[in-house]
C-alpha atoms as a PDB file:
ATOM      1  CA  MET A   1     -42.084  35.264 -22.385  1.00  0.00           C
ATOM      2  CA  SER A   2     -45.502  36.932 -23.549  1.00  0.00           C
ATOM      3  CA  PRO A   3     -45.447  40.512 -24.656  1.00  0.00           C
ATOM      4  CA  ARG A   4     -45.955  42.083 -21.542  1.00  0.00           C
ATOM      5  CA  LEU A   5     -43.874  40.212 -19.684  1.00  0.00           C
ATOM      6  CA  GLN A   6     -40.850  41.106 -22.256  1.00  0.00           C
ATOM      7  CA  ASP A   7     -42.177  44.810 -21.588  1.00  0.00           C
ATOM      8  CA  ALA A   8     -41.950  44.833 -17.476  1.00  0.00           C
ATOM      9  CA  ALA A   9     -38.416  43.359 -18.132  1.00  0.00           C
ATOM     10  CA  LEU A  10     -37.696  46.300 -20.447  1.00  0.00           C
ATOM     11  CA  ILE A  11     -39.091  48.560 -17.860  1.00  0.00           C
ATOM     12  CA  GLU A  12     -36.870  46.771 -15.077  1.00  0.00           C
ATOM     13  CA  ASN A  13     -33.679  47.264 -16.757  1.00  0.00           C
ATOM     14  CA  ALA A  14     -34.756  50.791 -17.585  1.00  0.00           C
ATOM     15  CA  LEU A  15     -35.394  51.882 -14.175  1.00  0.00           C
ATOM     16  CA  GLN A  16     -32.423  49.873 -13.171  1.00  0.00           C
ATOM     17  CA  ALA A  17     -30.249  51.607 -15.533  1.00  0.00           C
ATOM     18  CA  VAL A  18     -31.870  55.452 -14.078  1.00  0.00           C
ATOM     19  CA  GLU A  19     -31.010  54.294 -10.565  1.00  0.00           C
ATOM     20  CA  ARG A  20     -27.490  53.798 -11.284  1.00  0.00           C
ATOM     21  CA  ALA A  21     -27.472  56.556 -12.984  1.00  0.00           C
ATOM     22  CA  MET A  22     -28.289  58.537 -10.434  1.00  0.00           C
ATOM     23  CA  ALA A  23     -26.379  57.078  -7.732  1.00  0.00           C
ATOM     24  CA  ARG A  24     -23.290  57.493 -10.167  1.00  0.00           C
ATOM     25  CA  SER A  25     -24.123  61.474 -11.190  1.00  0.00           C
ATOM     26  CA  ASP A  26     -23.805  64.068  -8.399  1.00  0.00           C
ATOM     27  CA  VAL A  27     -27.296  64.594  -7.493  1.00  0.00           C
ATOM     28  CA  GLY A  28     -26.930  64.321  -3.754  1.00  0.00           C
ATOM     29  CA  SER A  29     -25.311  67.600  -3.468  1.00  0.00           C
ATOM     30  CA  ILE A  30     -28.969  69.111  -5.550  1.00  0.00           C
ATOM     31  CA  PRO A  31     -30.984  70.549  -2.894  1.00  0.00           C
ATOM     32  CA  PHE A  32     -34.731  70.396  -3.151  1.00  0.00           C
ATOM     33  CA  PHE A  33     -37.287  71.817  -1.296  1.00  0.00           C
ATOM     34  CA  GLY A  34     -41.247  70.836  -2.179  1.00  0.00           C
ATOM     35  CA  PRO A  35     -44.101  72.840  -1.896  1.00  0.00           C
ATOM     36  CA  THR A  36     -45.050  71.506   0.845  1.00  0.00           C
ATOM     37  CA  THR A  37     -41.955  71.392   2.842  1.00  0.00           C
ATOM     38  CA  LEU A  38     -41.744  75.234   2.047  1.00  0.00           C
ATOM     39  CA  GLY A  39     -45.164  76.338   2.822  1.00  0.00           C
ATOM     40  CA  GLU A  40     -44.447  75.310   6.408  1.00  0.00           C
ATOM     41  CA  MET A  41     -41.100  76.733   6.575  1.00  0.00           C
ATOM     42  CA  PRO A  42     -41.377  80.304   8.937  1.00  0.00           C
ATOM     43  CA  PRO A  43     -40.991  82.810   5.914  1.00  0.00           C
ATOM     44  CA  ASP A  44     -36.858  83.691   6.700  1.00  0.00           C
ATOM     45  CA  GLU A  45     -36.198  80.163   6.426  1.00  0.00           C
ATOM     46  CA  ARG A  46     -38.080  79.267   3.354  1.00  0.00           C
ATOM     47  CA  GLU A  47     -36.423  82.307   1.928  1.00  0.00           C
ATOM     48  CA  ALA A  48     -33.488  81.058   2.531  1.00  0.00           C
ATOM     49  CA  ALA A  49     -34.012  77.195   1.334  1.00  0.00           C
ATOM     50  CA  GLU A  50     -34.512  79.522  -1.799  1.00  0.00           C
ATOM     51  CA  LYS A  51     -32.177  80.936  -2.114  1.00  0.00           C
ATOM     52  CA  ILE A  52     -29.765  78.124  -1.559  1.00  0.00           C
ATOM     53  CA  GLU A  53     -31.652  76.154  -4.082  1.00  0.00           C
ATOM     54  CA  THR A  54     -31.113  78.978  -6.576  1.00  0.00           C
ATOM     55  CA  LYS A  55     -27.667  79.253  -5.514  1.00  0.00           C
ATOM     56  CA  VAL A  56     -26.783  75.847  -6.563  1.00  0.00           C
ATOM     57  CA  TYR A  57     -28.732  76.044  -9.503  1.00  0.00           C
ATOM     58  CA  ARG A  58     -27.002  78.759 -11.201  1.00  0.00           C
ATOM     59  CA  GLU A  59     -23.717  76.874 -10.058  1.00  0.00           C
ATOM     60  CA  LYS A  60     -24.386  73.459 -11.033  1.00  0.00           C
ATOM     61  CA  PRO A  61     -26.414  74.043 -14.074  1.00  0.00           C
ATOM     62  CA  GLU A  62     -25.934  70.758 -16.460  1.00  0.00           C
ATOM     63  CA  GLU A  63     -26.063  68.500 -13.150  1.00  0.00           C
ATOM     64  CA  THR A  64     -29.120  69.681 -11.350  1.00  0.00           C
ATOM     65  CA  ALA A  65     -31.145  69.139 -14.642  1.00  0.00           C
ATOM     66  CA  ILE A  66     -29.978  65.848 -15.093  1.00  0.00           C
ATOM     67  CA  HIS A  67     -31.065  65.336 -11.664  1.00  0.00           C
ATOM     68  CA  PHE A  68     -34.379  66.700 -12.133  1.00  0.00           C
ATOM     69  CA  CYS A  69     -34.574  64.658 -15.440  1.00  0.00           C
ATOM     70  CA  LEU A  70     -33.803  61.131 -14.234  1.00  0.00           C
ATOM     71  CA  THR A  71     -35.967  61.970 -10.831  1.00  0.00           C
ATOM     72  CA  SER A  72     -38.809  62.044 -13.747  1.00  0.00           C
ATOM     73  CA  ALA A  73     -37.823  59.547 -15.714  1.00  0.00           C
ATOM     74  CA  ARG A  74     -37.526  57.434 -12.774  1.00  0.00           C
ATOM     75  CA  SER A  75     -41.310  58.517 -11.336  1.00  0.00           C
ATOM     76  CA  LEU A  76     -43.229  57.578 -14.822  1.00  0.00           C
ATOM     77  CA  LEU A  77     -40.823  54.096 -15.312  1.00  0.00           C
ATOM     78  CA  ASP A  78     -42.125  53.642 -11.669  1.00  0.00           C
ATOM     79  CA  VAL A  79     -45.824  54.182 -12.790  1.00  0.00           C
ATOM     80  CA  ALA A  80     -45.313  52.159 -15.848  1.00  0.00           C
ATOM     81  CA  GLN A  81     -44.306  49.488 -14.303  1.00  0.00           C
ATOM     82  CA  THR A  82     -46.573  49.835 -11.729  1.00  0.00           C
ATOM     83  CA  LEU A  83     -49.419  49.618 -14.538  1.00  0.00           C
ATOM     84  CA  MET A  84     -48.106  46.956 -16.411  1.00  0.00           C
ATOM     85  CA  MET A  85     -47.025  44.819 -12.858  1.00  0.00           C
ATOM     86  CA  THR A  86     -51.395  44.976 -11.786  1.00  0.00           C
ATOM     87  CA  GLU A  87     -52.665  41.601 -12.112  1.00  0.00           C
ATOM     88  CA  GLY A  88     -56.386  40.999 -11.461  1.00  0.00           C
ATOM     89  CA  GLN A  89     -59.010  42.359 -10.458  1.00  0.00           C
ATOM     90  CA  PRO A  90     -58.929  44.647  -7.437  1.00  0.00           C
ATOM     91  CA  SER A  91     -61.584  45.656  -4.746  1.00  0.00           C
ATOM     92  CA  PRO A  92     -62.724  49.550  -5.262  1.00  0.00           C
ATOM     93  CA  ARG A  93     -60.751  50.633  -2.165  1.00  0.00           C
ATOM     94  CA  GLU A  94     -57.335  48.639  -3.602  1.00  0.00           C
ATOM     95  CA  ARG A  95     -57.907  50.365  -7.134  1.00  0.00           C
ATOM     96  CA  GLU A  96     -58.313  53.929  -5.685  1.00  0.00           C
ATOM     97  CA  ARG A  97     -55.274  53.690  -3.110  1.00  0.00           C
ATOM     98  CA  ARG A  98     -53.244  52.568  -6.464  1.00  0.00           C
ATOM     99  CA  TRP A  99     -54.595  55.381  -8.735  1.00  0.00           C
ATOM    100  CA  ASP A 100     -54.067  57.521  -5.730  1.00  0.00           C
ATOM    101  CA  SER A 101     -49.895  56.505  -5.685  1.00  0.00           C
ATOM    102  CA  LEU A 102     -50.082  56.601  -9.249  1.00  0.00           C
ATOM    103  CA  VAL A 103     -51.644  59.855  -9.493  1.00  0.00           C
ATOM    104  CA  THR A 104     -48.870  60.906  -6.832  1.00  0.00           C
ATOM    105  CA  HIS A 105     -46.292  59.445  -9.127  1.00  0.00           C
ATOM    106  CA  THR A 106     -46.717  61.128 -12.217  1.00  0.00           C
ATOM    107  CA  LYS A 107     -47.604  64.663 -10.196  1.00  0.00           C
ATOM    108  CA  LYS A 108     -43.744  64.202  -9.299  1.00  0.00           C
ATOM    109  CA  ALA A 109     -42.259  63.306 -12.906  1.00  0.00           C
ATOM    110  CA  GLY A 110     -44.238  66.446 -14.226  1.00  0.00           C
ATOM    111  CA  ARG A 111     -42.890  68.687 -11.256  1.00  0.00           C
ATOM    112  CA  ALA A 112     -39.036  67.508 -11.845  1.00  0.00           C
ATOM    113  CA  ALA A 113     -39.446  67.666 -15.559  1.00  0.00           C
ATOM    114  CA  TYR A 114     -40.376  71.612 -15.047  1.00  0.00           C
ATOM    115  CA  ARG A 115     -38.191  72.362 -12.787  1.00  0.00           C
ATOM    116  CA  ALA A 116     -35.398  70.695 -15.136  1.00  0.00           C
ATOM    117  CA  ALA A 117     -36.827  73.014 -17.671  1.00  0.00           C
ATOM    118  CA  LEU A 118     -36.712  76.174 -15.402  1.00  0.00           C
ATOM    119  CA  VAL A 119     -33.230  75.539 -15.105  1.00  0.00           C
ATOM    120  CA  LEU A 120     -32.368  75.042 -18.733  1.00  0.00           C
ATOM    121  CA  ALA A 121     -34.386  78.316 -19.276  1.00  0.00           C
ATOM    122  CA  ASP A 122     -32.590  80.029 -16.781  1.00  0.00           C
ATOM    123  CA  THR A 123     -29.387  79.357 -17.915  1.00  0.00           C
ATOM    124  CA  LYS A 124     -30.106  79.946 -21.527  1.00  0.00           C
ATOM    125  CA  ARG A 125     -30.879  83.787 -20.213  1.00  0.00           C
ATOM    126  CA  ALA A 126     -27.552  83.902 -18.661  1.00  0.00           C
ATOM    127  CA  ALA A 127     -25.583  82.723 -21.910  1.00  0.00           C
END
């Protein structure tokens, strides 16, 4: 097996492990409203959504941080896997489409990691 295929297999195993961890954790109860979703809400609904997020994040800081860390890891592993599995020379249009998708996943990972840091920082201040 080539080193690239071995690396791809390792990343696939890591991705499956992260997905199993997410399935076993209490992440389904962690609310998250992305900036686009919040921006589309009427002001009163947006305020209510933000209050729900804050309440749950403060009541379950560990679970919330775990959720966002795992979300970030899953997105980054997906990016790495996609990059490793890319073969041949795609057309310029296909390459641009792939890169756009990878950028979106990488941004999602960064936002999730940042959200975890915010939750942890808030917990530190509350202690």
